[in-house]
Amino acid sequence: MAHAGLWATSAEILAKAGVRYDSTGVTEAIINGFCLQAENLINCATKYNWSDLFTAPATTTTISADVWHLLGEVESNLVGIYIIESNMQGLATAPYPSRIIAEDMINILRDAALRGMSILRDKATQKFMLEATI
């Protein structure tokens, strides 16, 4: 199955989930579902449908690549959280050293996602992103 996330690649997402995520339980189909959830959350929270500006994963013709990667930052942080949460034990062969470490990873990703969402909610930022030259 091909990756269907609009703003973040599977590689970016898995890097944020860390090397100990449960790779037996996290398939591309699950990542795609998590990406849809994150993209919808971003669209609703910012009250702007960013998804309509994109025609294929990680490409666009209507918004500058110089600014749209902020969407990927937020998406990859959120999906990274979802992946860690899906199995807080991690891999059987290389589990998270403790639940506290998994929770710390989630907190770091959550803080970055909230910071990015705050920036994206600002109408001046949205205007800037939409008017940036391609």
N, C-alpha and C. Protein backbone atom coordinates (compact mmCIF):
# COMPACT_ATOMS: atom_id res chain seq x y z
N MET A 1 0.85 -1.18 0.00
CA MET A 1 0.00 0.00 0.00
C MET A 1 0.89 1.24 0.00
N ALA A 2 0.52 2.21 -0.81
CA ALA A 2 1.28 3.46 -0.90
C ALA A 2 0.91 4.40 0.24
N HIS A 3 1.86 5.24 0.57
CA HIS A 3 1.61 6.23 1.62
C HIS A 3 0.64 7.28 1.10
N ALA A 4 -0.37 7.62 1.91
CA ALA A 4 -1.41 8.56 1.48
C ALA A 4 -1.44 9.84 2.30
N GLY A 5 -0.53 9.99 3.25
CA GLY A 5 -0.49 11.23 4.03
C GLY A 5 -0.14 12.40 3.14
N LEU A 6 -0.79 13.53 3.36
CA LEU A 6 -0.59 14.68 2.48
C LEU A 6 0.67 15.48 2.79
N TRP A 7 1.04 15.58 4.04
CA TRP A 7 2.09 16.54 4.40
C TRP A 7 3.35 15.92 4.97
N ALA A 8 3.27 14.75 5.55
CA ALA A 8 4.44 14.11 6.15
C ALA A 8 4.64 12.73 5.54
N THR A 9 5.87 12.36 5.32
CA THR A 9 6.17 11.03 4.79
C THR A 9 6.16 10.00 5.91
N SER A 10 6.06 8.73 5.52
CA SER A 10 6.13 7.66 6.51
C SER A 10 7.46 7.70 7.24
N ALA A 11 8.54 7.99 6.52
CA ALA A 11 9.86 8.03 7.15
C ALA A 11 9.93 9.11 8.22
N GLU A 12 9.37 10.28 7.96
CA GLU A 12 9.36 11.35 8.95
C GLU A 12 8.55 10.94 10.18
N ILE A 13 7.42 10.32 9.92
CA ILE A 13 6.53 9.91 11.01
C ILE A 13 7.20 8.85 11.88
N LEU A 14 7.78 7.84 11.25
CA LEU A 14 8.40 6.75 12.01
C LEU A 14 9.63 7.23 12.76
N ALA A 15 10.35 8.20 12.20
CA ALA A 15 11.50 8.76 12.92
C ALA A 15 11.04 9.42 14.22
N LYS A 16 9.89 10.07 14.19
CA LYS A 16 9.37 10.71 15.40
C LYS A 16 8.84 9.70 16.41
N ALA A 17 8.34 8.55 15.91
CA ALA A 17 7.88 7.51 16.81
C ALA A 17 9.06 6.81 17.49
N GLY A 18 10.24 6.95 16.93
CA GLY A 18 11.44 6.35 17.54
C GLY A 18 11.69 4.94 17.06
N VAL A 19 12.87 4.44 17.34
CA VAL A 19 13.27 3.13 16.84
C VAL A 19 12.59 1.98 17.57
N ARG A 20 11.94 2.24 18.66
CA ARG A 20 11.34 1.16 19.46
C ARG A 20 9.84 1.00 19.23
N TYR A 21 9.26 1.72 18.26
CA TYR A 21 7.82 1.56 18.02
C TYR A 21 7.54 0.13 17.56
N ASP A 22 6.32 -0.31 17.74
CA ASP A 22 5.92 -1.68 17.41
C ASP A 22 5.73 -1.82 15.90
N SER A 23 6.79 -2.19 15.20
CA SER A 23 6.73 -2.29 13.73
C SER A 23 5.88 -3.47 13.27
N THR A 24 5.58 -4.41 14.14
CA THR A 24 4.71 -5.52 13.74
C THR A 24 3.25 -5.10 13.74
N GLY A 25 2.90 -4.10 14.53
CA GLY A 25 1.51 -3.67 14.61
C GLY A 25 1.20 -2.40 13.83
N VAL A 26 2.24 -1.75 13.33
CA VAL A 26 2.04 -0.48 12.61
C VAL A 26 2.32 -0.71 11.13
N THR A 27 1.25 -0.77 10.35
CA THR A 27 1.36 -0.97 8.91
C THR A 27 1.17 0.36 8.19
N GLU A 28 1.44 0.37 6.89
CA GLU A 28 1.21 1.59 6.11
C GLU A 28 -0.26 1.97 6.13
N ALA A 29 -1.14 0.99 6.14
CA ALA A 29 -2.58 1.28 6.20
C ALA A 29 -2.93 1.99 7.50
N ILE A 30 -2.33 1.56 8.60
CA ILE A 30 -2.58 2.21 9.89
C ILE A 30 -2.01 3.62 9.89
N ILE A 31 -0.80 3.79 9.35
CA ILE A 31 -0.21 5.13 9.25
C ILE A 31 -1.10 6.04 8.41
N ASN A 32 -1.62 5.52 7.30
CA ASN A 32 -2.51 6.32 6.45
C ASN A 32 -3.77 6.75 7.21
N GLY A 33 -4.34 5.84 7.99
CA GLY A 33 -5.51 6.19 8.79
C GLY A 33 -5.19 7.24 9.83
N PHE A 34 -4.04 7.10 10.50
CA PHE A 34 -3.61 8.10 11.47
C PHE A 34 -3.38 9.45 10.79
N CYS A 35 -2.81 9.43 9.57
CA CYS A 35 -2.59 10.69 8.84
C CYS A 35 -3.91 11.39 8.53
N LEU A 36 -4.91 10.62 8.12
CA LEU A 36 -6.23 11.23 7.86
C LEU A 36 -6.78 11.88 9.12
N GLN A 37 -6.63 11.20 10.25
CA GLN A 37 -7.11 11.77 11.51
C GLN A 37 -6.37 13.07 11.84
N ALA A 38 -5.06 13.05 11.71
CA ALA A 38 -4.26 14.23 12.02
C ALA A 38 -4.58 15.38 11.07
N GLU A 39 -4.71 15.07 9.78
CA GLU A 39 -5.02 16.12 8.79
C GLU A 39 -6.38 16.75 9.08
N ASN A 40 -7.35 15.92 9.42
CA ASN A 40 -8.67 16.46 9.75
C ASN A 40 -8.63 17.29 11.02
N LEU A 41 -7.87 16.85 12.00
CA LEU A 41 -7.72 17.63 13.23
C LEU A 41 -7.11 18.99 12.92
N ILE A 42 -6.07 19.02 12.10
CA ILE A 42 -5.41 20.28 11.74
C ILE A 42 -6.38 21.18 10.98
N ASN A 43 -7.10 20.62 10.01
CA ASN A 43 -8.07 21.42 9.25
C ASN A 43 -9.15 22.01 10.15
N CYS A 44 -9.69 21.21 11.04
CA CYS A 44 -10.76 21.69 11.92
C CYS A 44 -10.24 22.68 12.96
N ALA A 45 -9.08 22.40 13.54
CA ALA A 45 -8.54 23.28 14.57
C ALA A 45 -8.16 24.65 14.00
N THR A 46 -7.70 24.67 12.76
CA THR A 46 -7.29 25.94 12.16
C THR A 46 -8.44 26.61 11.40
N LYS A 47 -9.54 25.90 11.27
CA LYS A 47 -10.70 26.39 10.53
C LYS A 47 -10.32 26.76 9.09
N TYR A 48 -9.43 25.95 8.53
CA TYR A 48 -9.03 26.12 7.13
C TYR A 48 -8.77 24.74 6.55
N ASN A 49 -9.30 24.47 5.37
CA ASN A 49 -9.12 23.16 4.75
C ASN A 49 -7.83 23.14 3.92
N TRP A 50 -6.72 22.89 4.60
CA TRP A 50 -5.41 22.83 3.94
C TRP A 50 -5.35 21.68 2.95
N SER A 51 -6.09 20.61 3.22
CA SER A 51 -6.04 19.41 2.39
C SER A 51 -6.42 19.70 0.95
N ASP A 52 -7.35 20.62 0.73
CA ASP A 52 -7.78 20.93 -0.63
C ASP A 52 -6.69 21.57 -1.47
N LEU A 53 -5.64 22.08 -0.86
CA LEU A 53 -4.55 22.71 -1.60
C LEU A 53 -3.56 21.69 -2.15
N PHE A 54 -3.71 20.43 -1.75
CA PHE A 54 -2.75 19.40 -2.12
C PHE A 54 -3.38 18.39 -3.07
N THR A 55 -2.63 18.04 -4.11
CA THR A 55 -3.14 17.11 -5.11
C THR A 55 -2.56 15.72 -4.96
N ALA A 56 -1.49 15.57 -4.23
CA ALA A 56 -0.85 14.26 -4.04
C ALA A 56 -0.03 14.32 -2.76
N PRO A 57 0.34 13.18 -2.20
CA PRO A 57 1.17 13.23 -0.99
C PRO A 57 2.44 14.05 -1.18
N ALA A 58 2.64 14.97 -0.26
CA ALA A 58 3.85 15.79 -0.19
C ALA A 58 4.13 16.62 -1.44
N THR A 59 3.09 16.94 -2.21
CA THR A 59 3.27 17.85 -3.34
C THR A 59 2.12 18.83 -3.39
N THR A 60 2.37 19.97 -3.96
CA THR A 60 1.32 20.97 -4.08
C THR A 60 1.63 21.89 -5.24
N THR A 61 0.61 22.50 -5.78
CA THR A 61 0.81 23.50 -6.83
C THR A 61 0.28 24.86 -6.41
N THR A 62 -0.37 24.93 -5.25
CA THR A 62 -1.01 26.18 -4.87
C THR A 62 -0.44 26.84 -3.62
N ILE A 63 0.51 26.22 -2.96
CA ILE A 63 1.10 26.82 -1.77
C ILE A 63 2.61 26.53 -1.80
N SER A 64 3.39 27.49 -1.42
CA SER A 64 4.84 27.38 -1.53
C SER A 64 5.41 26.31 -0.60
N ALA A 65 6.35 25.53 -1.13
CA ALA A 65 7.04 24.52 -0.31
C ALA A 65 7.85 25.18 0.80
N ASP A 66 8.13 26.46 0.65
CA ASP A 66 8.87 27.19 1.69
C ASP A 66 8.07 27.33 2.99
N VAL A 67 6.75 27.17 2.92
CA VAL A 67 5.94 27.37 4.12
C VAL A 67 5.07 26.17 4.49
N TRP A 68 4.73 25.29 3.58
CA TRP A 68 3.77 24.25 3.91
C TRP A 68 4.34 23.12 4.76
N HIS A 69 5.64 23.05 4.92
CA HIS A 69 6.20 21.97 5.74
C HIS A 69 5.83 22.09 7.21
N LEU A 70 5.33 23.24 7.63
CA LEU A 70 4.80 23.36 9.00
C LEU A 70 3.63 22.40 9.19
N LEU A 71 2.84 22.19 8.15
CA LEU A 71 1.75 21.22 8.21
C LEU A 71 2.30 19.81 8.43
N GLY A 72 3.40 19.49 7.75
CA GLY A 72 4.04 18.19 7.92
C GLY A 72 4.64 18.02 9.30
N GLU A 73 5.15 19.10 9.85
CA GLU A 73 5.69 19.07 11.21
C GLU A 73 4.60 18.68 12.20
N VAL A 74 3.46 19.33 12.10
CA VAL A 74 2.37 19.04 13.03
C VAL A 74 1.82 17.63 12.77
N GLU A 75 1.63 17.27 11.50
CA GLU A 75 1.10 15.94 11.18
C GLU A 75 2.03 14.84 11.68
N SER A 76 3.31 14.96 11.43
CA SER A 76 4.24 13.90 11.85
C SER A 76 4.32 13.80 13.37
N ASN A 77 4.21 14.92 14.08
CA ASN A 77 4.19 14.87 15.55
C ASN A 77 2.95 14.14 16.05
N LEU A 78 1.80 14.48 15.49
CA LEU A 78 0.55 13.85 15.94
C LEU A 78 0.55 12.35 15.63
N VAL A 79 0.95 11.99 14.42
CA VAL A 79 0.93 10.57 14.05
C VAL A 79 2.00 9.80 14.84
N GLY A 80 3.13 10.43 15.11
CA GLY A 80 4.14 9.81 15.97
C GLY A 80 3.56 9.48 17.34
N ILE A 81 2.77 10.39 17.89
CA ILE A 81 2.09 10.15 19.17
C ILE A 81 1.17 8.95 19.06
N TYR A 82 0.35 8.93 18.00
CA TYR A 82 -0.61 7.84 17.82
C TYR A 82 0.11 6.49 17.75
N ILE A 83 1.25 6.46 17.08
CA ILE A 83 2.00 5.20 16.95
C ILE A 83 2.55 4.75 18.30
N ILE A 84 3.14 5.67 19.04
CA ILE A 84 3.67 5.31 20.36
C ILE A 84 2.54 4.84 21.27
N GLU A 85 1.41 5.56 21.24
CA GLU A 85 0.26 5.21 22.09
C GLU A 85 -0.33 3.84 21.73
N SER A 86 -0.20 3.44 20.47
CA SER A 86 -0.80 2.18 20.05
C SER A 86 -0.18 0.97 20.74
N ASN A 87 1.06 1.10 21.19
CA ASN A 87 1.70 0.04 21.99
C ASN A 87 2.79 0.68 22.83
N MET A 88 2.45 1.01 24.04
CA MET A 88 3.40 1.69 24.94
C MET A 88 4.54 0.77 25.38
N GLN A 89 4.42 -0.52 25.10
CA GLN A 89 5.51 -1.45 25.42
C GLN A 89 6.61 -1.38 24.37
N GLY A 90 6.24 -1.05 23.13
CA GLY A 90 7.21 -1.03 22.05
C GLY A 90 7.45 -2.42 21.51
N LEU A 91 8.57 -2.61 20.83
CA LEU A 91 8.92 -3.91 20.26
C LEU A 91 9.21 -4.93 21.35
N ALA A 92 8.84 -6.17 21.09
CA ALA A 92 9.17 -7.24 22.04
C ALA A 92 10.68 -7.42 22.14
N THR A 93 11.37 -7.24 21.00
CA THR A 93 12.82 -7.43 20.98
C THR A 93 13.58 -6.20 21.47
N ALA A 94 12.95 -5.04 21.44
CA ALA A 94 13.61 -3.81 21.91
C ALA A 94 12.56 -2.88 22.48
N PRO A 95 11.99 -3.23 23.63
CA PRO A 95 10.93 -2.39 24.20
C PRO A 95 11.46 -1.04 24.68
N TYR A 96 10.52 -0.11 24.87
CA TYR A 96 10.91 1.16 25.48
C TYR A 96 11.51 0.82 26.84
N PRO A 97 12.58 1.49 27.25
CA PRO A 97 13.20 1.17 28.54
C PRO A 97 12.23 1.26 29.71
N SER A 98 11.24 2.16 29.59
CA SER A 98 10.21 2.26 30.61
C SER A 98 9.02 2.99 30.01
N ARG A 99 7.89 2.86 30.65
CA ARG A 99 6.69 3.59 30.21
C ARG A 99 6.93 5.10 30.32
N ILE A 100 7.72 5.50 31.29
CA ILE A 100 8.02 6.92 31.48
C ILE A 100 8.75 7.48 30.26
N ILE A 101 9.66 6.72 29.70
CA ILE A 101 10.37 7.18 28.50
C ILE A 101 9.41 7.32 27.32
N ALA A 102 8.50 6.36 27.15
CA ALA A 102 7.50 6.46 26.09
C ALA A 102 6.62 7.69 26.31
N GLU A 103 6.23 7.93 27.56
CA GLU A 103 5.42 9.11 27.86
C GLU A 103 6.20 10.40 27.62
N ASP A 104 7.48 10.41 27.93
CA ASP A 104 8.31 11.59 27.65
C ASP A 104 8.36 11.87 26.15
N MET A 105 8.48 10.81 25.35
CA MET A 105 8.48 10.99 23.89
C MET A 105 7.16 11.59 23.43
N ILE A 106 6.07 11.08 23.97
CA ILE A 106 4.75 11.62 23.63
C ILE A 106 4.65 13.09 24.04
N ASN A 107 5.13 13.43 25.22
CA ASN A 107 5.06 14.82 25.69
C ASN A 107 5.86 15.76 24.80
N ILE A 108 7.03 15.33 24.36
CA ILE A 108 7.84 16.16 23.47
C ILE A 108 7.13 16.38 22.15
N LEU A 109 6.56 15.31 21.58
CA LEU A 109 5.82 15.43 20.32
C LEU A 109 4.56 16.28 20.49
N ARG A 110 3.88 16.10 21.63
CA ARG A 110 2.66 16.88 21.89
C ARG A 110 2.97 18.37 21.99
N ASP A 111 4.04 18.71 22.68
CA ASP A 111 4.42 20.12 22.82
C ASP A 111 4.72 20.73 21.45
N ALA A 112 5.44 20.00 20.61
CA ALA A 112 5.76 20.51 19.27
C ALA A 112 4.49 20.62 18.42
N ALA A 113 3.59 19.65 18.55
CA ALA A 113 2.33 19.70 17.79
C ALA A 113 1.48 20.88 18.23
N LEU A 114 1.39 21.10 19.53
CA LEU A 114 0.60 22.23 20.04
C LEU A 114 1.19 23.57 19.61
N ARG A 115 2.52 23.66 19.63
CA ARG A 115 3.18 24.90 19.18
C ARG A 115 2.87 25.15 17.70
N GLY A 116 2.99 24.10 16.89
CA GLY A 116 2.69 24.24 15.47
C GLY A 116 1.23 24.58 15.21
N MET A 117 0.32 23.94 15.96
CA MET A 117 -1.11 24.23 15.80
C MET A 117 -1.41 25.68 16.17
N SER A 118 -0.75 26.18 17.20
CA SER A 118 -0.94 27.56 17.61
C SER A 118 -0.52 28.51 16.49
N ILE A 119 0.58 28.21 15.88
CA ILE A 119 1.05 29.04 14.76
C ILE A 119 0.07 28.95 13.59
N LEU A 120 -0.39 27.74 13.27
CA LEU A 120 -1.31 27.55 12.13
C LEU A 120 -2.68 28.18 12.36
N ARG A 121 -3.12 28.29 13.62
CA ARG A 121 -4.43 28.89 13.91
C ARG A 121 -4.43 30.40 13.70
N ASP A 122 -3.28 31.02 13.74
CA ASP A 122 -3.19 32.46 13.58
C ASP A 122 -3.56 32.85 12.15
N LYS A 123 -4.55 33.71 12.00
CA LYS A 123 -5.03 34.10 10.66
C LYS A 123 -3.96 34.84 9.86
N ALA A 124 -3.09 35.58 10.54
CA ALA A 124 -2.00 36.26 9.83
C ALA A 124 -1.02 35.23 9.25
N THR A 125 -0.76 34.16 9.99
CA THR A 125 0.10 33.09 9.49
C THR A 125 -0.54 32.41 8.29
N GLN A 126 -1.84 32.14 8.39
CA GLN A 126 -2.54 31.51 7.27
C GLN A 126 -2.46 32.38 6.02
N LYS A 127 -2.67 33.67 6.19
CA LYS A 127 -2.59 34.60 5.06
C LYS A 127 -1.19 34.59 4.47
N PHE A 128 -0.18 34.63 5.33
CA PHE A 128 1.22 34.58 4.88
C PHE A 128 1.49 33.31 4.10
N MET A 129 1.04 32.17 4.63
CA MET A 129 1.30 30.90 3.96
C MET A 129 0.60 30.83 2.61
N LEU A 130 -0.61 31.33 2.54
CA LEU A 130 -1.38 31.27 1.29
C LEU A 130 -0.86 32.24 0.23
N GLU A 131 -0.22 33.33 0.68
CA GLU A 131 0.26 34.33 -0.28
C GLU A 131 1.75 34.19 -0.60
N ALA A 132 2.43 33.25 0.06
CA ALA A 132 3.86 33.06 -0.23
C ALA A 132 4.04 32.64 -1.68
N THR A 133 5.05 33.21 -2.33
CA THR A 133 5.26 32.92 -3.74
C THR A 133 5.84 31.53 -3.93
N ILE A 134 5.35 30.89 -4.96
CA ILE A 134 5.80 29.53 -5.30
C ILE A 134 7.10 29.58 -6.05
